[in-house]
Amino acid sequence: MIVSATEIKNNFGKYLALSQKSDISIKKNGKIIAILKSFDNEKFNQLDKLTGIIDLSLLNHEQL
């Protein structure tokens, strides 16, 4: 789903809830500037356990 930055600003709660089911691309001036996506707590906890073993700064947002 692609929505404008103004729409996100005016209805943040709605899109926060929707982001749990599907990624929300945020568009400003005709360009996608951000993606609102759900947080996978289990995946984060697994990565957190690896802190010190791997450098998490090397991972991009797709891998988190």
PDB file of N, CA and C in Angstrom:
ATOM      1  N   MET A   1       0.851  -1.165   0.000  1.00  0.00           N
ATOM      2  CA  MET A   1       0.000   0.000   0.000  1.00  0.00           C
ATOM      3  C   MET A   1       0.900   1.233   0.000  1.00  0.00           C
ATOM      4  N   ILE A   2       0.545   2.206  -0.813  1.00  0.00           N
ATOM      5  CA  ILE A   2       1.298   3.462  -0.882  1.00  0.00           C
ATOM      6  C   ILE A   2       0.364   4.593  -0.465  1.00  0.00           C
ATOM      7  N   VAL A   3       0.804   5.398   0.508  1.00  0.00           N
ATOM      8  CA  VAL A   3       0.016   6.540   0.973  1.00  0.00           C
ATOM      9  C   VAL A   3       0.915   7.765   1.078  1.00  0.00           C
ATOM     10  N   SER A   4       0.295   8.925   1.037  1.00  0.00           N
ATOM     11  CA  SER A   4       1.063  10.168   1.123  1.00  0.00           C
ATOM     12  C   SER A   4       1.517  10.426   2.563  1.00  0.00           C
ATOM     13  N   ALA A   5       2.553  11.211   2.689  1.00  0.00           N
ATOM     14  CA  ALA A   5       3.056  11.585   4.020  1.00  0.00           C
ATOM     15  C   ALA A   5       1.988  12.345   4.800  1.00  0.00           C
ATOM     16  N   THR A   6       1.215  13.161   4.124  1.00  0.00           N
ATOM     17  CA  THR A   6       0.137  13.911   4.785  1.00  0.00           C
ATOM     18  C   THR A   6      -0.922  12.967   5.320  1.00  0.00           C
ATOM     19  N   GLU A   7      -1.290  11.958   4.539  1.00  0.00           N
ATOM     20  CA  GLU A   7      -2.277  10.971   4.979  1.00  0.00           C
ATOM     21  C   GLU A   7      -1.768  10.215   6.213  1.00  0.00           C
ATOM     22  N   ILE A   8      -0.504   9.843   6.203  1.00  0.00           N
ATOM     23  CA  ILE A   8       0.087   9.165   7.370  1.00  0.00           C
ATOM     24  C   ILE A   8       0.023  10.080   8.586  1.00  0.00           C
ATOM     25  N   LYS A   9       0.401  11.335   8.398  1.00  0.00           N
ATOM     26  CA  LYS A   9       0.401  12.304   9.494  1.00  0.00           C
ATOM     27  C   LYS A   9      -0.995  12.467  10.090  1.00  0.00           C
ATOM     28  N   ASN A  10      -1.989  12.536   9.236  1.00  0.00           N
ATOM     29  CA  ASN A  10      -3.354  12.772   9.701  1.00  0.00           C
ATOM     30  C   ASN A  10      -4.048  11.538  10.274  1.00  0.00           C
ATOM     31  N   ASN A  11      -3.577  10.346   9.914  1.00  0.00           N
ATOM     32  CA  ASN A  11      -4.229   9.101  10.341  1.00  0.00           C
ATOM     33  C   ASN A  11      -3.217   8.058  10.795  1.00  0.00           C
ATOM     34  N   PHE A  12      -2.244   8.498  11.602  1.00  0.00           N
ATOM     35  CA  PHE A  12      -1.133   7.611  11.954  1.00  0.00           C
ATOM     36  C   PHE A  12      -1.597   6.318  12.625  1.00  0.00           C
ATOM     37  N   GLY A  13      -2.529   6.423  13.553  1.00  0.00           N
ATOM     38  CA  GLY A  13      -3.006   5.230  14.265  1.00  0.00           C
ATOM     39  C   GLY A  13      -3.579   4.183  13.333  1.00  0.00           C
ATOM     40  N   LYS A  14      -4.346   4.634  12.356  1.00  0.00           N
ATOM     41  CA  LYS A  14      -4.946   3.725  11.376  1.00  0.00           C
ATOM     42  C   LYS A  14      -3.862   2.963  10.622  1.00  0.00           C
ATOM     43  N   TYR A  15      -2.849   3.704  10.146  1.00  0.00           N
ATOM     44  CA  TYR A  15      -1.798   3.067   9.351  1.00  0.00           C
ATOM     45  C   TYR A  15      -0.838   2.249  10.205  1.00  0.00           C
ATOM     46  N   LEU A  16      -0.692   2.613  11.458  1.00  0.00           N
ATOM     47  CA  LEU A  16       0.109   1.809  12.378  1.00  0.00           C
ATOM     48  C   LEU A  16      -0.525   0.432  12.537  1.00  0.00           C
ATOM     49  N   ALA A  17      -1.835   0.403  12.697  1.00  0.00           N
ATOM     50  CA  ALA A  17      -2.550  -0.875  12.801  1.00  0.00           C
ATOM     51  C   ALA A  17      -2.469  -1.658  11.489  1.00  0.00           C
ATOM     52  N   LEU A  18      -2.661  -0.987  10.365  1.00  0.00           N
ATOM     53  CA  LEU A  18      -2.594  -1.665   9.069  1.00  0.00           C
ATOM     54  C   LEU A  18      -1.202  -2.222   8.779  1.00  0.00           C
ATOM     55  N   SER A  19      -0.166  -1.572   9.305  1.00  0.00           N
ATOM     56  CA  SER A  19       1.202  -2.021   9.038  1.00  0.00           C
ATOM     57  C   SER A  19       1.500  -3.375   9.664  1.00  0.00           C
ATOM     58  N   GLN A  20       0.668  -3.825  10.593  1.00  0.00           N
ATOM     59  CA  GLN A  20       0.856  -5.146  11.192  1.00  0.00           C
ATOM     60  C   GLN A  20       0.546  -6.254  10.198  1.00  0.00           C
ATOM     61  N   LYS A  21      -0.254  -5.928   9.175  1.00  0.00           N
ATOM     62  CA  LYS A  21      -0.650  -6.919   8.177  1.00  0.00           C
ATOM     63  C   LYS A  21       0.090  -6.759   6.857  1.00  0.00           C
ATOM     64  N   SER A  22       0.504  -5.523   6.549  1.00  0.00           N
ATOM     65  CA  SER A  22       1.106  -5.237   5.249  1.00  0.00           C
ATOM     66  C   SER A  22       2.008  -4.018   5.360  1.00  0.00           C
ATOM     67  N   ASP A  23       3.096  -4.020   4.619  1.00  0.00           N
ATOM     68  CA  ASP A  23       3.989  -2.854   4.613  1.00  0.00           C
ATOM     69  C   ASP A  23       3.272  -1.645   4.025  1.00  0.00           C
ATOM     70  N   ILE A  24       3.552  -0.468   4.574  1.00  0.00           N
ATOM     71  CA  ILE A  24       2.975   0.787   4.104  1.00  0.00           C
ATOM     72  C   ILE A  24       4.120   1.638   3.554  1.00  0.00           C
ATOM     73  N   SER A  25       4.086   1.927   2.265  1.00  0.00           N
ATOM     74  CA  SER A  25       5.073   2.813   1.652  1.00  0.00           C
ATOM     75  C   SER A  25       4.557   4.238   1.761  1.00  0.00           C
ATOM     76  N   ILE A  26       5.435   5.152   2.185  1.00  0.00           N
ATOM     77  CA  ILE A  26       5.057   6.545   2.388  1.00  0.00           C
ATOM     78  C   ILE A  26       5.679   7.385   1.279  1.00  0.00           C
ATOM     79  N   LYS A  27       4.823   8.122   0.589  1.00  0.00           N
ATOM     80  CA  LYS A  27       5.243   8.900  -0.570  1.00  0.00           C
ATOM     81  C   LYS A  27       5.160  10.392  -0.261  1.00  0.00           C
ATOM     82  N   LYS A  28       6.192  11.119  -0.679  1.00  0.00           N
ATOM     83  CA  LYS A  28       6.210  12.572  -0.541  1.00  0.00           C
ATOM     84  C   LYS A  28       6.805  13.154  -1.817  1.00  0.00           C
ATOM     85  N   ASN A  29       6.126  14.138  -2.368  1.00  0.00           N
ATOM     86  CA  ASN A  29       6.568  14.763  -3.620  1.00  0.00           C
ATOM     87  C   ASN A  29       6.813  13.738  -4.726  1.00  0.00           C
ATOM     88  N   GLY A  30       5.953  12.727  -4.782  1.00  0.00           N
ATOM     89  CA  GLY A  30       6.031  11.736  -5.848  1.00  0.00           C
ATOM     90  C   GLY A  30       7.059  10.643  -5.655  1.00  0.00           C
ATOM     91  N   LYS A  31       7.774  10.653  -4.523  1.00  0.00           N
ATOM     92  CA  LYS A  31       8.806   9.642  -4.285  1.00  0.00           C
ATOM     93  C   LYS A  31       8.541   8.916  -2.972  1.00  0.00           C
ATOM     94  N   ILE A  32       8.801   7.633  -2.954  1.00  0.00           N
ATOM     95  CA  ILE A  32       8.677   6.869  -1.717  1.00  0.00           C
ATOM     96  C   ILE A  32       9.861   7.232  -0.826  1.00  0.00           C
ATOM     97  N   ILE A  33       9.543   7.701   0.382  1.00  0.00           N
ATOM     98  CA  ILE A  33      10.581   8.177   1.290  1.00  0.00           C
ATOM     99  C   ILE A  33      10.774   7.279   2.502  1.00  0.00           C
ATOM    100  N   ALA A  34       9.799   6.401   2.774  1.00  0.00           N
ATOM    101  CA  ALA A  34       9.901   5.549   3.955  1.00  0.00           C
ATOM    102  C   ALA A  34       8.949   4.362   3.804  1.00  0.00           C
ATOM    103  N   ILE A  35       9.189   3.364   4.639  1.00  0.00           N
ATOM    104  CA  ILE A  35       8.299   2.202   4.694  1.00  0.00           C
ATOM    105  C   ILE A  35       7.975   1.938   6.161  1.00  0.00           C
ATOM    106  N   LEU A  36       6.693   1.825   6.442  1.00  0.00           N
ATOM    107  CA  LEU A  36       6.224   1.483   7.778  1.00  0.00           C
ATOM    108  C   LEU A  36       5.893   0.000   7.757  1.00  0.00           C
ATOM    109  N   LYS A  37       6.577  -0.768   8.597  1.00  0.00           N
ATOM    110  CA  LYS A  37       6.358  -2.206   8.589  1.00  0.00           C
ATOM    111  C   LYS A  37       6.274  -2.745  10.003  1.00  0.00           C
ATOM    112  N   SER A  38       5.717  -3.915  10.138  1.00  0.00           N
ATOM    113  CA  SER A  38       5.563  -4.500  11.467  1.00  0.00           C
ATOM    114  C   SER A  38       6.916  -4.911  12.038  1.00  0.00           C
ATOM    115  N   PHE A  39       6.942  -5.009  13.335  1.00  0.00           N
ATOM    116  CA  PHE A  39       8.158  -5.381  14.049  1.00  0.00           C
ATOM    117  C   PHE A  39       8.053  -6.841  14.434  1.00  0.00           C
ATOM    118  N   ASP A  40       9.031  -7.637  14.047  1.00  0.00           N
ATOM    119  CA  ASP A  40       9.061  -9.063  14.379  1.00  0.00           C
ATOM    120  C   ASP A  40       9.878  -9.243  15.648  1.00  0.00           C
ATOM    121  N   ASN A  41       9.205  -9.272  16.780  1.00  0.00           N
ATOM    122  CA  ASN A  41       9.873  -9.342  18.075  1.00  0.00           C
ATOM    123  C   ASN A  41      10.704 -10.616  18.228  1.00  0.00           C
ATOM    124  N   GLU A  42      10.202 -11.723  17.727  1.00  0.00           N
ATOM    125  CA  GLU A  42      10.942 -12.989  17.842  1.00  0.00           C
ATOM    126  C   GLU A  42      12.262 -12.909  17.071  1.00  0.00           C
ATOM    127  N   LYS A  43      12.219 -12.368  15.862  1.00  0.00           N
ATOM    128  CA  LYS A  43      13.430 -12.239  15.060  1.00  0.00           C
ATOM    129  C   LYS A  43      14.420 -11.287  15.742  1.00  0.00           C
ATOM    130  N   PHE A  44      13.894 -10.188  16.305  1.00  0.00           N
ATOM    131  CA  PHE A  44      14.749  -9.244  17.016  1.00  0.00           C
ATOM    132  C   PHE A  44      15.425  -9.917  18.215  1.00  0.00           C
ATOM    133  N   ASN A  45      14.677 -10.696  18.973  1.00  0.00           N
ATOM    134  CA  ASN A  45      15.249 -11.386  20.137  1.00  0.00           C
ATOM    135  C   ASN A  45      16.346 -12.362  19.728  1.00  0.00           C
ATOM    136  N   GLN A  46      16.145 -13.038  18.617  1.00  0.00           N
ATOM    137  CA  GLN A  46      17.177 -13.950  18.125  1.00  0.00           C
ATOM    138  C   GLN A  46      18.434 -13.180  17.743  1.00  0.00           C
ATOM    139  N   LEU A  47      18.261 -12.046  17.064  1.00  0.00           N
ATOM    140  CA  LEU A  47      19.412 -11.224  16.697  1.00  0.00           C
ATOM    141  C   LEU A  47      20.090 -10.633  17.926  1.00  0.00           C
ATOM    142  N   ASP A  48      19.295 -10.241  18.905  1.00  0.00           N
ATOM    143  CA  ASP A  48      19.841  -9.649  20.123  1.00  0.00           C
ATOM    144  C   ASP A  48      20.759 -10.631  20.843  1.00  0.00           C
ATOM    145  N   LYS A  49      20.411 -11.914  20.798  1.00  0.00           N
ATOM    146  CA  LYS A  49      21.244 -12.937  21.431  1.00  0.00           C
ATOM    147  C   LYS A  49      22.604 -13.069  20.742  1.00  0.00           C
ATOM    148  N   LEU A  50      22.663 -12.656  19.483  1.00  0.00           N
ATOM    149  CA  LEU A  50      23.908 -12.748  18.724  1.00  0.00           C
ATOM    150  C   LEU A  50      24.793 -11.512  18.881  1.00  0.00           C
ATOM    151  N   THR A  51      24.327 -10.513  19.626  1.00  0.00           N
ATOM    152  CA  THR A  51      25.105  -9.295  19.808  1.00  0.00           C
ATOM    153  C   THR A  51      26.487  -9.654  20.343  1.00  0.00           C
ATOM    154  N   GLY A  52      27.470  -9.130  19.704  1.00  0.00           N
ATOM    155  CA  GLY A  52      28.847  -9.452  20.077  1.00  0.00           C
ATOM    156  C   GLY A  52      29.429 -10.544  19.199  1.00  0.00           C
ATOM    157  N   ILE A  53      28.560 -11.364  18.626  1.00  0.00           N
ATOM    158  CA  ILE A  53      29.027 -12.419  17.733  1.00  0.00           C
ATOM    159  C   ILE A  53      29.067 -11.888  16.307  1.00  0.00           C
ATOM    160  N   ILE A  54      28.009 -11.137  15.935  1.00  0.00           N
ATOM    161  CA  ILE A  54      27.988 -10.501  14.618  1.00  0.00           C
ATOM    162  C   ILE A  54      27.749  -9.007  14.813  1.00  0.00           C
ATOM    163  N   ASP A  55      28.176  -8.224  13.848  1.00  0.00           N
ATOM    164  CA  ASP A  55      27.976  -6.777  13.889  1.00  0.00           C
ATOM    165  C   ASP A  55      26.627  -6.470  13.248  1.00  0.00           C
ATOM    166  N   LEU A  56      25.601  -6.148  14.080  1.00  0.00           N
ATOM    167  CA  LEU A  56      24.254  -5.908  13.577  1.00  0.00           C
ATOM    168  C   LEU A  56      24.174  -4.688  12.673  1.00  0.00           C
ATOM    169  N   SER A  57      25.139  -3.790  12.750  1.00  0.00           N
ATOM    170  CA  SER A  57      25.109  -2.614  11.886  1.00  0.00           C
ATOM    171  C   SER A  57      25.336  -2.991  10.425  1.00  0.00           C
ATOM    172  N   LEU A  58      25.817  -4.195  10.175  1.00  0.00           N
ATOM    173  CA  LEU A  58      26.040  -4.642   8.808  1.00  0.00           C
ATOM    174  C   LEU A  58      24.759  -5.127   8.139  1.00  0.00           C
ATOM    175  N   LEU A  59      23.705  -5.352   8.928  1.00  0.00           N
ATOM    176  CA  LEU A  59      22.443  -5.827   8.383  1.00  0.00           C
ATOM    177  C   LEU A  59      21.603  -4.649   7.927  1.00  0.00           C
ATOM    178  N   ASN A  60      20.870  -4.834   6.840  1.00  0.00           N
ATOM    179  CA  ASN A  60      19.962  -3.783   6.398  1.00  0.00           C
ATOM    180  C   ASN A  60      18.563  -4.052   6.951  1.00  0.00           C
ATOM    181  N   HIS A  61      17.637  -3.108   6.781  1.00  0.00           N
ATOM    182  CA  HIS A  61      16.297  -3.236   7.352  1.00  0.00           C
ATOM    183  C   HIS A  61      15.545  -4.438   6.806  1.00  0.00           C
ATOM    184  N   GLU A  62      15.855  -4.908   5.613  1.00  0.00           N
ATOM    185  CA  GLU A  62      15.185  -6.070   5.035  1.00  0.00           C
ATOM    186  C   GLU A  62      15.521  -7.326   5.841  1.00  0.00           C
ATOM    187  N   GLN A  63      16.740  -7.382   6.363  1.00  0.00           N
ATOM    188  CA  GLN A  63      17.176  -8.565   7.094  1.00  0.00           C
ATOM    189  C   GLN A  63      16.667  -8.570   8.527  1.00  0.00           C
ATOM    190  N   LEU A  64      16.321  -7.406   9.062  1.00  0.00           N
ATOM    191  CA  LEU A  64      15.771  -7.331  10.415  1.00  0.00           C
ATOM    192  C   LEU A  64      14.309  -7.633  10.327  1.00  0.00           C
TER     193      LEU A  64
END
